[in-house]
Amino acid sequence: MLRRDLGPPDIDGLKSLLEDSKGLYEITLLKREPRDFSSREIAREIERGHQIRDVYRLAQAFLPRLDISNESIKYYASLVSYYSVFRLTQLDEWIVYLYLLCFVYHRYQKLHDNLLNTLIHHVRRYVDEAKGEAKERVYEHRMEDNDNLLKAGQLLQLFTDDSIAESTPFLEVRAKAFDILDRQKIDTLAEHITTKARFDETAFQWEHMDDLAPQFKHHLRPILRAVDLAASPGHRPLTEAVHFLQDAFAKGRSLSQYPPEAFPLRCLPDTAKRYLYTSDANGHRRLLPDRYEFLVYRLLRNGLEAGDIFCRDSVRFRSFEDDLLDDQRWQDKGVPQ
């Protein structure tokens, strides 16, 4: 089948993997896995994907016709890692082409596992950092409130201070009050006491996410551009948002250049909507693009971990249905009803 169906361009593509490039064989470079989740390592991994995409598409079309299992593909792929390039060149060339097809097929899918694991890692890291920062801010505000409550007691004592004559103008009394606690803090404290208001820890998290925007754009946008994602029917609204971001990034356009109605909003949880908008000088609500972008990343992480969002060009994040026999092959098995 290899001899019959692989054309000269296909053979040239496979042979190029065994060529010596800048002192290292191409296949040797492909064997290397990312050492960490750094942007440099992930950029290299994305570049490896570009390099072997054509051979992967060839393997994707050809290997199913051999009717071998995924485990067999994985085994043949491991032989490329096991043998040196010199040893491979001593084997029958058609056997080597089979091994290379299996290697590229498995490596390309493992590459996508690496990219999506990196996305999950960074999203979790940013969320944890935002939560930690929010808890710290709540603690600081509570400490400040405790200090202000002590001063509030001094303010109340002004009403019972016999040293202040009854004829003293209110402006003078108020000036004494402002010496104890400035006007803004008095208003804040009064509102807190009368409404029993609680600090919005989630709001603090989103405020910190605004500061993290340059970081998550740097780390996560290249990954989103490099993967093709799909979803179960109930999670299609999220893939609409993902495709919107991918299209914007591919065009090099800033999200702030898009009108609010261009953003797919069906995936937004009701609990998050209040934090994604701000009011302009005219009182009109305005969507915050950076917060929208990160929320999509966070929902994407949740969907990948739950198995609701999947990548067919991967090992770990494949859809369950992708590993099932199609209807025709199932019938051919002759399974009794």
Foldseek 3Di string as FASTA:
>chain_A
DCVVPDDPVLLVLLVQQLDQDPNRRNVVLLVDAQPDLDLVSLVSLLVNLVSCVVLLVVLVVPVVVVVDDLVVLVVLLVVSVVDDSVVLVVDDVSSSSSSSSSVSLASQQASLVSLLVSLLVVLVVLLVVLLVQLVVVLVVVVVVLVVVVVLVVVLVCLVVDPVDDPPDDVVVNVVVSCVSPNDVVVVVSVCCVVVVDGDDSVLSSVVVLVVCLVVCCSSPVVSLLRADKDFDPVCVLLVVQSVLSNVCVVVVHDPVVDAPVSHRDPNDDPVCVVNQWDADPVRDIDGDVSSVVSVSSVVVSVCQVVLGMAGCSHDSRHHPVVNDDDPVVVVVVVDDD
